[in-house]
C-alpha atoms as a PDB file:
ATOM      1  CA  UNK A   1     105.807 124.035 117.020  1.00  0.00           C
ATOM      2  CA  UNK A   2     105.149 123.463 120.709  1.00  0.00           C
ATOM      3  CA  UNK A   3     107.632 120.646 121.227  1.00  0.00           C
ATOM      4  CA  UNK A   4     111.322 120.855 120.565  1.00  0.00           C
ATOM      5  CA  UNK A   5     112.240 118.047 118.197  1.00  0.00           C
ATOM      6  CA  UNK A   6     114.681 115.815 120.039  1.00  0.00           C
ATOM      7  CA  UNK A   7     115.553 112.155 119.826  1.00  0.00           C
ATOM      8  CA  UNK A   8     113.527 111.544 122.997  1.00  0.00           C
ATOM      9  CA  UNK A   9     110.513 113.358 121.488  1.00  0.00           C
ATOM     10  CA  UNK A  10     110.664 111.040 118.434  1.00  0.00           C
ATOM     11  CA  UNK A  11     110.944 107.981 120.698  1.00  0.00           C
ATOM     12  CA  UNK A  12     107.866 109.183 122.624  1.00  0.00           C
ATOM     13  CA  UNK A  13     105.849 109.765 119.434  1.00  0.00           C
ATOM     14  CA  UNK A  14     106.657 106.307 118.107  1.00  0.00           C
ATOM     15  CA  UNK A  15     106.093 104.687 121.482  1.00  0.00           C
ATOM     16  CA  UNK A  16     102.691 106.262 122.092  1.00  0.00           C
ATOM     17  CA  UNK A  17     101.499 105.512 118.561  1.00  0.00           C
ATOM     18  CA  UNK A  18     102.578 101.870 118.711  1.00  0.00           C
ATOM     19  CA  UNK A  19     100.772 101.499 122.041  1.00  0.00           C
ATOM     20  CA  UNK A  20      97.682 103.241 120.629  1.00  0.00           C
ATOM     21  CA  UNK A  21      97.502 101.064 117.507  1.00  0.00           C
ATOM     22  CA  UNK A  22      98.166  97.952 119.546  1.00  0.00           C
ATOM     23  CA  UNK A  23      95.410  98.905 121.993  1.00  0.00           C
ATOM     24  CA  UNK A  24      92.913  99.737 119.233  1.00  0.00           C
ATOM     25  CA  UNK A  25      93.490  96.293 117.763  1.00  0.00           C
ATOM     26  CA  UNK A  26      93.543  94.554 121.154  1.00  0.00           C
ATOM     27  CA  UNK A  27      96.991  93.078 120.492  1.00  0.00           C
ATOM     28  CA  UNK A  28      99.421  92.224 123.290  1.00  0.00           C
ATOM     29  CA  UNK A  29     103.093  93.124 123.154  1.00  0.00           C
ATOM     30  CA  UNK A  30     103.869  89.428 122.742  1.00  0.00           C
ATOM     31  CA  UNK A  31     101.456  89.017 119.830  1.00  0.00           C
ATOM     32  CA  UNK A  32     102.891  92.110 118.151  1.00  0.00           C
ATOM     33  CA  UNK A  33     106.414  90.809 118.679  1.00  0.00           C
ATOM     34  CA  UNK A  34     105.549  87.458 117.118  1.00  0.00           C
ATOM     35  CA  UNK A  35     103.752  89.074 114.162  1.00  0.00           C
ATOM     36  CA  UNK A  36     106.631  91.473 113.520  1.00  0.00           C
ATOM     37  CA  UNK A  37     109.414  88.929 114.022  1.00  0.00           C
ATOM     38  CA  UNK A  38     110.784  90.831 117.007  1.00  0.00           C
ATOM     39  CA  UNK A  39     111.242  89.964 120.664  1.00  0.00           C
ATOM     40  CA  UNK A  40     108.778  90.842 123.388  1.00  0.00           C
ATOM     41  CA  UNK A  41     111.577  92.621 125.282  1.00  0.00           C
ATOM     42  CA  UNK A  42     112.349  94.772 122.243  1.00  0.00           C
ATOM     43  CA  UNK A  43     108.692  95.817 121.877  1.00  0.00           C
ATOM     44  CA  UNK A  44     108.618  96.616 125.595  1.00  0.00           C
ATOM     45  CA  UNK A  45     111.813  98.701 125.291  1.00  0.00           C
ATOM     46  CA  UNK A  46     110.388 100.608 122.304  1.00  0.00           C
ATOM     47  CA  UNK A  47     107.133 101.335 124.130  1.00  0.00           C
ATOM     48  CA  UNK A  48     109.047 102.498 127.201  1.00  0.00           C
ATOM     49  CA  UNK A  49     111.291 104.784 125.108  1.00  0.00           C
ATOM     50  CA  UNK A  50     114.398 102.794 125.995  1.00  0.00           C
ATOM     51  CA  UNK A  51     115.213 101.925 122.379  1.00  0.00           C
ATOM     52  CA  UNK A  52     114.701 103.551 119.031  1.00  0.00           C
ATOM     53  CA  UNK A  53     113.693 101.821 115.844  1.00  0.00           C
ATOM     54  CA  UNK A  54     115.256 101.511 112.420  1.00  0.00           C
ATOM     55  CA  UNK A  55     113.388 101.870 109.146  1.00  0.00           C
ATOM     56  CA  UNK A  56     113.443  98.079 108.859  1.00  0.00           C
ATOM     57  CA  UNK A  57     111.800  97.714 112.274  1.00  0.00           C
ATOM     58  CA  UNK A  58     109.219 100.398 111.440  1.00  0.00           C
ATOM     59  CA  UNK A  59     108.362  98.439 108.298  1.00  0.00           C
ATOM     60  CA  UNK A  60     107.887  95.256 110.337  1.00  0.00           C
ATOM     61  CA  UNK A  61     105.705  97.051 112.883  1.00  0.00           C
ATOM     62  CA  UNK A  62     103.681  98.751 110.132  1.00  0.00           C
ATOM     63  CA  UNK A  63     102.986  95.408 108.517  1.00  0.00           C
ATOM     64  CA  UNK A  64     102.156  93.698 111.802  1.00  0.00           C
ATOM     65  CA  UNK A  65      99.790  96.499 112.860  1.00  0.00           C
ATOM     66  CA  UNK A  66      98.488  97.083 109.324  1.00  0.00           C
ATOM     67  CA  UNK A  67      99.190 100.834 109.425  1.00  0.00           C
ATOM     68  CA  UNK A  68     101.198 103.183 107.260  1.00  0.00           C
ATOM     69  CA  UNK A  69     104.674 103.963 108.713  1.00  0.00           C
ATOM     70  CA  UNK A  70     103.995 107.701 108.936  1.00  0.00           C
ATOM     71  CA  UNK A  71     101.209 106.997 111.414  1.00  0.00           C
ATOM     72  CA  UNK A  72     103.867 106.304 114.056  1.00  0.00           C
ATOM     73  CA  UNK A  73     104.922 109.964 113.852  1.00  0.00           C
ATOM     74  CA  UNK A  74     101.541 111.645 114.389  1.00  0.00           C
ATOM     75  CA  UNK A  75     101.401 113.808 117.513  1.00  0.00           C
ATOM     76  CA  UNK A  76      98.761 113.115 120.139  1.00  0.00           C
ATOM     77  CA  UNK A  77      97.580 116.731 120.284  1.00  0.00           C
ATOM     78  CA  UNK A  78      96.338 117.130 116.723  1.00  0.00           C
ATOM     79  CA  UNK A  79      93.998 120.001 115.906  1.00  0.00           C
ATOM     80  CA  UNK A  80      90.737 119.418 114.020  1.00  0.00           C
ATOM     81  CA  UNK A  81      92.461 120.452 110.787  1.00  0.00           C
ATOM     82  CA  UNK A  82      95.272 117.981 111.474  1.00  0.00           C
ATOM     83  CA  UNK A  83      92.682 115.331 112.243  1.00  0.00           C
ATOM     84  CA  UNK A  84      90.927 115.946 108.931  1.00  0.00           C
ATOM     85  CA  UNK A  85      94.249 115.479 107.128  1.00  0.00           C
ATOM     86  CA  UNK A  86      94.683 112.206 109.032  1.00  0.00           C
ATOM     87  CA  UNK A  87      91.136 111.099 108.090  1.00  0.00           C
ATOM     88  CA  UNK A  88      91.775 111.944 104.430  1.00  0.00           C
ATOM     89  CA  UNK A  89      95.025 109.974 104.568  1.00  0.00           C
ATOM     90  CA  UNK A  90      93.223 107.039 106.155  1.00  0.00           C
ATOM     91  CA  UNK A  91      90.547 107.201 103.481  1.00  0.00           C
ATOM     92  CA  UNK A  92      93.195 107.304 100.724  1.00  0.00           C
ATOM     93  CA  UNK A  93      94.980 104.316 102.275  1.00  0.00           C
ATOM     94  CA  UNK A  94      91.719 102.394 102.597  1.00  0.00           C
ATOM     95  CA  UNK A  95      90.803 103.098  98.975  1.00  0.00           C
ATOM     96  CA  UNK A  96      94.236 101.859  97.886  1.00  0.00           C
ATOM     97  CA  UNK A  97      93.849  98.621  99.860  1.00  0.00           C
ATOM     98  CA  UNK A  98      90.353  98.036  98.465  1.00  0.00           C
ATOM     99  CA  UNK A  99      91.612  98.769  94.934  1.00  0.00           C
ATOM    100  CA  UNK A 100      94.526  96.355  95.372  1.00  0.00           C
ATOM    101  CA  UNK A 101      92.209  93.629  96.702  1.00  0.00           C
ATOM    102  CA  UNK A 102      89.748  94.183  93.856  1.00  0.00           C
ATOM    103  CA  UNK A 103      92.584  93.944  91.315  1.00  0.00           C
ATOM    104  CA  UNK A 104      93.828  90.705  92.902  1.00  0.00           C
ATOM    105  CA  UNK A 105      90.303  89.285  92.905  1.00  0.00           C
ATOM    106  CA  UNK A 106      89.715  90.210  89.288  1.00  0.00           C
ATOM    107  CA  UNK A 107      93.112  88.819  88.253  1.00  0.00           C
ATOM    108  CA  UNK A 108      92.289  85.546  90.040  1.00  0.00           C
ATOM    109  CA  UNK A 109      88.859  85.467  88.390  1.00  0.00           C
ATOM    110  CA  UNK A 110      90.446  85.771  84.918  1.00  0.00           C
ATOM    111  CA  UNK A 111      92.790  82.865  85.659  1.00  0.00           C
ATOM    112  CA  UNK A 112      89.828  80.665  86.567  1.00  0.00           C
ATOM    113  CA  UNK A 113      88.096  81.207  83.214  1.00  0.00           C
END
């Protein structure tokens, strides 16, 4: 492993991944804060590695950004093999969401009959 695992390394991983997901979705820090029930200053502190996050906060951010919590821990310098694992995970997550939505739709359809 190239990087020594330290508290600061974990903060940096989480910070860069939150910024990346926020950027991909074109969401401001303020919008993310409002969606997650957090303050803008707290989001700013997380993204600037000034504060860490609890499991509860990770859950809020995961929900607000619509990503799995483990995605906040993915390193930026992934190899192609690592990337394929990430793609497979994304595909699995997408299939689960589609399956859940289909089940909800079908359950609602049965209630209407």
